[in-house]
């Protein structure tokens, strides 16, 4: 787990989350265009948390421009023997929500869902 994620563990309430800098990424993102957000994600080297570790920016960049668009956070915990999704949702739910909102903004999604 990255140090960034570790910073937000045990921030299940919004006050604790914002005290540790939560939602600052969202504030930055909404001052940018959706294309600029995608470029920022590409430049950061952010990768998915699944087994393939696919680059997030490339995934976002390849999405269709067809509307309506939806963002889905897969928190199914379907990989055998892992509990990474549950750990994040229980310990830092606002981190997941903030990421979902940024992804939705960057991809101009109409709605977002968390699949559990």
Protein backbone atom coordinates (compact mmCIF):
# COMPACT_ATOMS: atom_id res chain seq x y z
CA UNK A 1 0.00 0.00 0.00
CA UNK A 2 1.31 3.42 -0.83
CA UNK A 3 2.10 6.02 1.81
CA UNK A 4 -0.70 8.16 0.35
CA UNK A 5 -3.30 5.53 1.16
CA UNK A 6 -1.78 4.84 4.58
CA UNK A 7 -2.21 8.53 5.45
CA UNK A 8 -5.98 8.15 5.16
CA UNK A 9 -6.51 4.90 7.05
CA UNK A 10 -8.82 5.28 10.03
CA UNK A 11 -10.54 8.31 8.48
CA UNK A 12 -13.99 6.83 8.23
CA UNK A 13 -15.65 10.12 9.13
CA UNK A 14 -15.44 13.14 6.89
CA UNK A 15 -13.94 15.42 9.54
CA UNK A 16 -10.90 13.16 10.05
CA UNK A 17 -10.55 12.74 6.31
CA UNK A 18 -10.55 16.46 5.53
CA UNK A 19 -8.19 17.18 8.46
CA UNK A 20 -5.63 14.90 6.76
CA UNK A 21 -6.04 16.65 3.39
CA UNK A 22 -8.93 14.65 2.04
CA UNK A 23 -10.87 16.11 -0.90
CA UNK A 24 -7.92 18.36 -1.80
CA UNK A 25 -7.39 16.24 -4.93
CA UNK A 26 -11.00 16.83 -5.92
CA UNK A 27 -10.64 20.58 -5.36
CA UNK A 28 -7.61 20.56 -7.65
CA UNK A 29 -9.31 18.39 -10.28
CA UNK A 30 -12.41 20.55 -10.70
CA UNK A 31 -10.20 23.55 -11.48
CA UNK A 32 -8.83 21.59 -14.45
CA UNK A 33 -10.48 20.43 -17.65
CA UNK A 34 -11.40 16.73 -17.84
CA UNK A 35 -8.58 16.19 -20.38
CA UNK A 36 -6.09 17.86 -18.04
CA UNK A 37 -7.19 15.57 -15.20
CA UNK A 38 -6.63 12.51 -17.39
CA UNK A 39 -3.18 13.80 -18.36
CA UNK A 40 -2.36 14.36 -14.68
CA UNK A 41 -3.39 10.79 -13.88
CA UNK A 42 -1.28 9.49 -16.77
CA UNK A 43 1.73 11.52 -15.61
CA UNK A 44 1.34 10.26 -12.04
CA UNK A 45 1.75 6.62 -13.08
CA UNK A 46 -1.35 5.62 -11.11
CA UNK A 47 -2.27 1.99 -11.69
CA UNK A 48 -5.35 -0.06 -10.95
CA UNK A 49 -5.45 -2.18 -7.81
CA UNK A 50 -6.38 -5.36 -9.67
CA UNK A 51 -3.91 -8.08 -10.46
CA UNK A 52 -2.84 -6.58 -13.81
CA UNK A 53 -2.05 -3.13 -12.38
CA UNK A 54 -3.24 -1.48 -15.61
CA UNK A 55 -2.34 2.23 -15.95
CA UNK A 56 -5.41 4.23 -14.95
CA UNK A 57 -4.72 7.19 -17.24
CA UNK A 58 -4.56 4.97 -20.30
CA UNK A 59 -7.81 3.30 -19.29
CA UNK A 60 -9.54 6.66 -18.81
CA UNK A 61 -8.15 8.04 -22.05
CA UNK A 62 -9.47 5.08 -24.02
CA UNK A 63 -13.07 5.47 -22.84
CA UNK A 64 -15.69 6.26 -25.42
CA UNK A 65 -17.17 9.72 -25.72
CA UNK A 66 -20.64 8.24 -25.97
CA UNK A 67 -23.15 9.52 -23.45
CA UNK A 68 -24.53 8.82 -21.00
CA UNK A 69 -21.37 7.58 -19.30
CA UNK A 70 -21.16 5.83 -15.93
CA UNK A 71 -18.28 5.20 -13.54
CA UNK A 72 -18.26 1.94 -11.58
CA UNK A 73 -16.00 1.24 -8.62
CA UNK A 74 -15.57 -2.52 -8.39
CA UNK A 75 -15.34 -3.26 -4.66
CA UNK A 76 -16.52 -6.85 -5.08
CA UNK A 77 -13.57 -8.45 -3.27
CA UNK A 78 -13.75 -11.24 -5.84
CA UNK A 79 -10.04 -12.05 -5.87
CA UNK A 80 -9.42 -15.11 -3.68
CA UNK A 81 -7.59 -14.38 -0.42
CA UNK A 82 -7.52 -10.59 -0.69
CA UNK A 83 -9.24 -7.99 1.45
CA UNK A 84 -7.92 -4.77 -0.09
CA UNK A 85 -11.34 -3.44 -1.06
CA UNK A 86 -12.89 -4.07 2.33
CA UNK A 87 -9.92 -2.43 4.06
CA UNK A 88 -10.35 0.75 2.04
CA UNK A 89 -14.12 0.88 2.34
CA UNK A 90 -14.09 0.33 6.10
CA UNK A 91 -11.07 2.47 6.95
CA UNK A 92 -11.08 5.23 4.32
CA UNK A 93 -14.45 5.34 2.53
CA UNK A 94 -14.02 9.00 1.59
CA UNK A 95 -10.83 8.13 -0.30
CA UNK A 96 -12.90 5.80 -2.48
CA UNK A 97 -15.67 8.36 -2.88
CA UNK A 98 -13.23 11.13 -3.78
CA UNK A 99 -11.59 8.90 -6.39
CA UNK A 100 -14.96 7.98 -7.83
CA UNK A 101 -15.94 11.65 -8.13
CA UNK A 102 -12.63 12.58 -9.81
CA UNK A 103 -12.99 9.65 -12.23
CA UNK A 104 -16.55 10.72 -12.99
CA UNK A 105 -15.52 14.31 -13.61
CA UNK A 106 -12.58 13.35 -15.83
CA UNK A 107 -14.77 11.05 -17.90
CA UNK A 108 -17.84 13.32 -17.81
CA UNK A 109 -19.94 10.55 -16.30
CA UNK A 110 -23.57 11.08 -15.50
CA UNK A 111 -23.62 8.68 -12.54
CA UNK A 112 -21.24 6.66 -10.40
CA UNK A 113 -21.74 3.36 -8.65
CA UNK A 114 -19.86 1.39 -6.04
CA UNK A 115 -20.33 -2.33 -6.69
CA UNK A 116 -20.08 -4.39 -3.51
